[in-house]
């Protein structure tokens, strides 16, 4: 009996907030509506007989809904903070690029494309991936030419605003894609 009640209560706690709102609104209507309205819809006696349970339902659903809203708010703030932190880290990394990294990133801007074919066994490519500047965009490729890598939206926008970051000792662009013989 107690185990069944505990199981039912835990299932109730798992309800989505929209169901909690509906349950809370129904309890509030039954608690606070006029006698005439409750008699009209035929639930006056039910509302009178179960007033304590309706009150408890209203309080519990209100509290659970408030916790749900607060949790969603905290998650949103955390997500924005993490995104800002990640963007700041990428911007700082773009300020101190090596010449090899500049050559790879130059190829994106020179071709005005967000995709470049790069070998995945290259440490420079892996460093740019680890810093969130580029990412592997296709799982299909080969060992000779490499795999498609896309530049992140933030890095793309940042380098368009600050193209001087790609100025270096050379003016070359790097891609590992081989020319097709066909």
C-alpha atoms as a PDB file:
ATOM      1  CA  UNK A   1       0.000   0.000   0.000  1.00  0.00           C
ATOM      2  CA  UNK A   2       2.709   2.493   0.996  1.00  0.00           C
ATOM      3  CA  UNK A   3       4.945   1.405  -1.876  1.00  0.00           C
ATOM      4  CA  UNK A   4       2.083   1.925  -4.324  1.00  0.00           C
ATOM      5  CA  UNK A   5       1.395   5.406  -2.919  1.00  0.00           C
ATOM      6  CA  UNK A   6       5.085   6.312  -3.137  1.00  0.00           C
ATOM      7  CA  UNK A   7       5.214   5.068  -6.724  1.00  0.00           C
ATOM      8  CA  UNK A   8       2.141   7.121  -7.632  1.00  0.00           C
ATOM      9  CA  UNK A   9       3.630  10.215  -5.979  1.00  0.00           C
ATOM     10  CA  UNK A  10       6.921   9.806  -7.860  1.00  0.00           C
ATOM     11  CA  UNK A  11       5.044   9.445 -11.151  1.00  0.00           C
ATOM     12  CA  UNK A  12       3.156  12.645 -10.296  1.00  0.00           C
ATOM     13  CA  UNK A  13       6.444  14.481  -9.744  1.00  0.00           C
ATOM     14  CA  UNK A  14       7.578  13.466 -13.237  1.00  0.00           C
ATOM     15  CA  UNK A  15       4.641  15.235 -14.916  1.00  0.00           C
ATOM     16  CA  UNK A  16       5.473  17.974 -17.373  1.00  0.00           C
ATOM     17  CA  UNK A  17       4.777  21.544 -16.199  1.00  0.00           C
ATOM     18  CA  UNK A  18       1.871  21.949 -18.626  1.00  0.00           C
ATOM     19  CA  UNK A  19       0.037  19.123 -16.839  1.00  0.00           C
ATOM     20  CA  UNK A  20       0.839  20.621 -13.465  1.00  0.00           C
ATOM     21  CA  UNK A  21      -0.652  23.929 -14.603  1.00  0.00           C
ATOM     22  CA  UNK A  22      -3.826  22.189 -15.772  1.00  0.00           C
ATOM     23  CA  UNK A  23      -4.141  20.287 -12.505  1.00  0.00           C
ATOM     24  CA  UNK A  24      -3.496  23.432 -10.479  1.00  0.00           C
ATOM     25  CA  UNK A  25      -6.021  25.461 -12.479  1.00  0.00           C
ATOM     26  CA  UNK A  26      -8.665  22.768 -12.019  1.00  0.00           C
ATOM     27  CA  UNK A  27      -8.022  22.698  -8.263  1.00  0.00           C
ATOM     28  CA  UNK A  28      -8.164  26.509  -8.109  1.00  0.00           C
ATOM     29  CA  UNK A  29     -11.448  26.597 -10.042  1.00  0.00           C
ATOM     30  CA  UNK A  30     -12.986  24.027  -7.709  1.00  0.00           C
ATOM     31  CA  UNK A  31     -11.714  25.892  -4.649  1.00  0.00           C
ATOM     32  CA  UNK A  32     -12.426  29.502  -5.574  1.00  0.00           C
ATOM     33  CA  UNK A  33     -15.416  29.454  -7.933  1.00  0.00           C
ATOM     34  CA  UNK A  34     -18.818  30.591  -6.760  1.00  0.00           C
ATOM     35  CA  UNK A  35     -21.389  28.133  -5.448  1.00  0.00           C
ATOM     36  CA  UNK A  36     -23.713  28.930  -8.366  1.00  0.00           C
ATOM     37  CA  UNK A  37     -21.066  28.089 -10.966  1.00  0.00           C
ATOM     38  CA  UNK A  38     -20.037  24.864  -9.221  1.00  0.00           C
ATOM     39  CA  UNK A  39     -23.670  23.751  -8.978  1.00  0.00           C
ATOM     40  CA  UNK A  40     -24.164  24.642 -12.649  1.00  0.00           C
ATOM     41  CA  UNK A  41     -21.332  22.335 -13.745  1.00  0.00           C
ATOM     42  CA  UNK A  42     -22.378  19.704 -11.194  1.00  0.00           C
ATOM     43  CA  UNK A  43     -19.291  19.541  -8.980  1.00  0.00           C
ATOM     44  CA  UNK A  44     -20.329  21.577  -5.937  1.00  0.00           C
ATOM     45  CA  UNK A  45     -20.632  18.616  -3.594  1.00  0.00           C
ATOM     46  CA  UNK A  46     -17.384  17.096  -4.872  1.00  0.00           C
ATOM     47  CA  UNK A  47     -15.605  20.418  -4.263  1.00  0.00           C
ATOM     48  CA  UNK A  48     -17.028  20.698  -0.734  1.00  0.00           C
ATOM     49  CA  UNK A  49     -16.225  17.102   0.199  1.00  0.00           C
ATOM     50  CA  UNK A  50     -12.638  17.255  -1.085  1.00  0.00           C
ATOM     51  CA  UNK A  51     -11.610  20.800  -0.167  1.00  0.00           C
ATOM     52  CA  UNK A  52      -8.490  19.784   1.815  1.00  0.00           C
ATOM     53  CA  UNK A  53      -7.219  17.588  -1.012  1.00  0.00           C
ATOM     54  CA  UNK A  54      -7.937  20.297  -3.598  1.00  0.00           C
ATOM     55  CA  UNK A  55      -6.020  22.810  -1.478  1.00  0.00           C
ATOM     56  CA  UNK A  56      -3.099  20.434  -1.117  1.00  0.00           C
ATOM     57  CA  UNK A  57      -3.175  19.766  -4.867  1.00  0.00           C
ATOM     58  CA  UNK A  58      -3.098  23.498  -5.583  1.00  0.00           C
ATOM     59  CA  UNK A  59      -0.180  24.107  -3.223  1.00  0.00           C
ATOM     60  CA  UNK A  60       1.859  21.129  -4.471  1.00  0.00           C
ATOM     61  CA  UNK A  61       1.294  21.840  -8.170  1.00  0.00           C
ATOM     62  CA  UNK A  62       2.075  25.520  -7.627  1.00  0.00           C
ATOM     63  CA  UNK A  63       5.314  24.657  -5.839  1.00  0.00           C
ATOM     64  CA  UNK A  64       6.333  22.086  -8.466  1.00  0.00           C
ATOM     65  CA  UNK A  65       5.567  24.530 -11.256  1.00  0.00           C
ATOM     66  CA  UNK A  66       7.606  27.254  -9.523  1.00  0.00           C
ATOM     67  CA  UNK A  67      10.536  24.854  -9.134  1.00  0.00           C
ATOM     68  CA  UNK A  68      10.234  23.867 -12.800  1.00  0.00           C
ATOM     69  CA  UNK A  69      10.237  27.499 -13.935  1.00  0.00           C
ATOM     70  CA  UNK A  70      13.188  28.311 -11.668  1.00  0.00           C
ATOM     71  CA  UNK A  71      15.096  25.281 -12.969  1.00  0.00           C
ATOM     72  CA  UNK A  72      14.470  26.301 -16.571  1.00  0.00           C
ATOM     73  CA  UNK A  73      15.586  29.849 -15.773  1.00  0.00           C
ATOM     74  CA  UNK A  74      18.778  28.637 -14.135  1.00  0.00           C
ATOM     75  CA  UNK A  75      19.482  26.320 -17.081  1.00  0.00           C
ATOM     76  CA  UNK A  76      19.001  29.220 -19.512  1.00  0.00           C
ATOM     77  CA  UNK A  77      21.349  31.492 -17.557  1.00  0.00           C
ATOM     78  CA  UNK A  78      23.926  28.696 -17.323  1.00  0.00           C
ATOM     79  CA  UNK A  79      23.674  28.002 -21.059  1.00  0.00           C
ATOM     80  CA  UNK A  80      24.210  31.674 -21.916  1.00  0.00           C
ATOM     81  CA  UNK A  81      27.129  31.930 -19.503  1.00  0.00           C
ATOM     82  CA  UNK A  82      28.778  28.829 -20.989  1.00  0.00           C
ATOM     83  CA  UNK A  83      28.268  30.125 -24.526  1.00  0.00           C
ATOM     84  CA  UNK A  84      29.787  33.509 -23.603  1.00  0.00           C
ATOM     85  CA  UNK A  85      32.705  31.746 -21.903  1.00  0.00           C
ATOM     86  CA  UNK A  86      33.254  29.522 -24.961  1.00  0.00           C
ATOM     87  CA  UNK A  87      33.127  32.524 -27.323  1.00  0.00           C
ATOM     88  CA  UNK A  88      35.582  34.433 -25.155  1.00  0.00           C
ATOM     89  CA  UNK A  89      37.942  31.438 -25.146  1.00  0.00           C
ATOM     90  CA  UNK A  90      37.735  31.121 -28.965  1.00  0.00           C
ATOM     91  CA  UNK A  91      38.305  34.871 -29.398  1.00  0.00           C
ATOM     92  CA  UNK A  92      41.389  34.732 -27.166  1.00  0.00           C
ATOM     93  CA  UNK A  93      42.682  31.746 -29.124  1.00  0.00           C
ATOM     94  CA  UNK A  94      42.148  33.538 -32.439  1.00  0.00           C
ATOM     95  CA  UNK A  95      44.353  36.365 -31.159  1.00  0.00           C
ATOM     96  CA  UNK A  96      47.418  34.085 -30.953  1.00  0.00           C
ATOM     97  CA  UNK A  97      47.329  31.804 -33.988  1.00  0.00           C
ATOM     98  CA  UNK A  98      50.420  30.102 -35.379  1.00  0.00           C
ATOM     99  CA  UNK A  99      51.312  30.472 -39.047  1.00  0.00           C
ATOM    100  CA  UNK A 100      50.068  26.938 -39.818  1.00  0.00           C
ATOM    101  CA  UNK A 101      46.726  27.695 -38.182  1.00  0.00           C
ATOM    102  CA  UNK A 102      46.459  30.982 -40.076  1.00  0.00           C
ATOM    103  CA  UNK A 103      47.019  29.149 -43.376  1.00  0.00           C
ATOM    104  CA  UNK A 104      44.162  26.763 -42.647  1.00  0.00           C
ATOM    105  CA  UNK A 105      41.802  29.542 -41.570  1.00  0.00           C
ATOM    106  CA  UNK A 106      42.861  31.750 -44.488  1.00  0.00           C
ATOM    107  CA  UNK A 107      41.563  29.110 -46.898  1.00  0.00           C
ATOM    108  CA  UNK A 108      38.048  29.487 -45.491  1.00  0.00           C
ATOM    109  CA  UNK A 109      37.997  33.243 -45.986  1.00  0.00           C
ATOM    110  CA  UNK A 110      39.858  33.227 -49.321  1.00  0.00           C
ATOM    111  CA  UNK A 111      37.375  30.799 -50.863  1.00  0.00           C
ATOM    112  CA  UNK A 112      34.478  32.432 -48.989  1.00  0.00           C
ATOM    113  CA  UNK A 113      33.313  29.025 -47.851  1.00  0.00           C
ATOM    114  CA  UNK A 114      32.686  27.474 -44.473  1.00  0.00           C
ATOM    115  CA  UNK A 115      34.038  24.056 -45.514  1.00  0.00           C
ATOM    116  CA  UNK A 116      37.583  22.833 -46.077  1.00  0.00           C
ATOM    117  CA  UNK A 117      38.992  19.350 -46.561  1.00  0.00           C
ATOM    118  CA  UNK A 118      41.685  18.594 -43.985  1.00  0.00           C
ATOM    119  CA  UNK A 119      43.479  15.490 -42.782  1.00  0.00           C
ATOM    120  CA  UNK A 120      42.404  14.321 -39.358  1.00  0.00           C
ATOM    121  CA  UNK A 121      45.857  13.015 -38.448  1.00  0.00           C
ATOM    122  CA  UNK A 122      47.300  16.548 -38.466  1.00  0.00           C
ATOM    123  CA  UNK A 123      48.054  18.056 -35.061  1.00  0.00           C
ATOM    124  CA  UNK A 124      47.288  21.598 -36.228  1.00  0.00           C
ATOM    125  CA  UNK A 125      43.827  20.525 -37.383  1.00  0.00           C
ATOM    126  CA  UNK A 126      43.231  18.695 -34.107  1.00  0.00           C
ATOM    127  CA  UNK A 127      44.314  21.786 -32.163  1.00  0.00           C
ATOM    128  CA  UNK A 128      41.830  23.983 -34.018  1.00  0.00           C
ATOM    129  CA  UNK A 129      39.122  21.385 -33.392  1.00  0.00           C
ATOM    130  CA  UNK A 130      39.956  21.148 -29.691  1.00  0.00           C
ATOM    131  CA  UNK A 131      39.640  24.917 -29.357  1.00  0.00           C
ATOM    132  CA  UNK A 132      36.234  24.979 -31.056  1.00  0.00           C
ATOM    133  CA  UNK A 133      37.411  26.994 -34.056  1.00  0.00           C
ATOM    134  CA  UNK A 134      36.663  24.259 -36.596  1.00  0.00           C
ATOM    135  CA  UNK A 135      34.742  21.005 -36.339  1.00  0.00           C
ATOM    136  CA  UNK A 136      34.476  17.774 -38.293  1.00  0.00           C
ATOM    137  CA  UNK A 137      31.373  18.082 -40.450  1.00  0.00           C
ATOM    138  CA  UNK A 138      31.405  14.758 -42.292  1.00  0.00           C
ATOM    139  CA  UNK A 139      32.297  11.278 -41.184  1.00  0.00           C
ATOM    140  CA  UNK A 140      33.020  10.236 -44.754  1.00  0.00           C
ATOM    141  CA  UNK A 141      36.465  10.949 -46.146  1.00  0.00           C
ATOM    142  CA  UNK A 142      39.760   9.235 -46.796  1.00  0.00           C
ATOM    143  CA  UNK A 143      43.263   9.138 -45.399  1.00  0.00           C
ATOM    144  CA  UNK A 144      44.859  10.920 -48.359  1.00  0.00           C
ATOM    145  CA  UNK A 145      42.580  13.915 -48.798  1.00  0.00           C
ATOM    146  CA  UNK A 146      41.080  14.087 -45.358  1.00  0.00           C
ATOM    147  CA  UNK A 147      37.618  14.905 -44.123  1.00  0.00           C
ATOM    148  CA  UNK A 148      35.386  17.938 -44.436  1.00  0.00           C
ATOM    149  CA  UNK A 149      35.844  20.424 -41.599  1.00  0.00           C
ATOM    150  CA  UNK A 150      33.631  23.460 -41.113  1.00  0.00           C
ATOM    151  CA  UNK A 151      34.586  26.674 -39.387  1.00  0.00           C
ATOM    152  CA  UNK A 152      32.427  27.586 -36.403  1.00  0.00           C
ATOM    153  CA  UNK A 153      29.921  30.396 -36.848  1.00  0.00           C
ATOM    154  CA  UNK A 154      31.584  32.492 -34.160  1.00  0.00           C
ATOM    155  CA  UNK A 155      35.081  32.086 -35.660  1.00  0.00           C
ATOM    156  CA  UNK A 156      33.716  32.889 -39.136  1.00  0.00           C
ATOM    157  CA  UNK A 157      32.075  36.096 -37.943  1.00  0.00           C
ATOM    158  CA  UNK A 158      35.026  37.059 -35.738  1.00  0.00           C
ATOM    159  CA  UNK A 159      37.557  36.628 -38.541  1.00  0.00           C
ATOM    160  CA  UNK A 160      35.411  38.677 -40.910  1.00  0.00           C
ATOM    161  CA  UNK A 161      35.397  41.502 -38.377  1.00  0.00           C
ATOM    162  CA  UNK A 162      39.124  41.066 -37.596  1.00  0.00           C
ATOM    163  CA  UNK A 163      40.791  39.873 -40.839  1.00  0.00           C
ATOM    164  CA  UNK A 164      44.147  41.260 -39.663  1.00  0.00           C
ATOM    165  CA  UNK A 165      44.421  38.230 -37.352  1.00  0.00           C
ATOM    166  CA  UNK A 166      45.221  36.085 -40.394  1.00  0.00           C
ATOM    167  CA  UNK A 167      48.134  38.237 -41.555  1.00  0.00           C
ATOM    168  CA  UNK A 168      51.390  36.358 -41.161  1.00  0.00           C
ATOM    169  CA  UNK A 169      54.762  35.596 -42.642  1.00  0.00           C
ATOM    170  CA  UNK A 170      53.214  33.891 -45.665  1.00  0.00           C
ATOM    171  CA  UNK A 171      50.184  34.567 -47.773  1.00  0.00           C
ATOM    172  CA  UNK A 172      49.297  30.948 -48.537  1.00  0.00           C
ATOM    173  CA  UNK A 173      46.115  29.041 -47.873  1.00  0.00           C
ATOM    174  CA  UNK A 174      46.017  25.396 -46.890  1.00  0.00           C
ATOM    175  CA  UNK A 175      43.648  22.669 -47.910  1.00  0.00           C
ATOM    176  CA  UNK A 176      44.418  18.960 -48.065  1.00  0.00           C
ATOM    177  CA  UNK A 177      41.993  18.309 -50.907  1.00  0.00           C
ATOM    178  CA  UNK A 178      43.735  16.912 -53.955  1.00  0.00           C
ATOM    179  CA  UNK A 179      42.868  17.993 -57.461  1.00  0.00           C
ATOM    180  CA  UNK A 180      40.609  15.544 -59.244  1.00  0.00           C
ATOM    181  CA  UNK A 181      42.124  13.853 -62.248  1.00  0.00           C
ATOM    182  CA  UNK A 182      38.768  13.186 -63.830  1.00  0.00           C
END
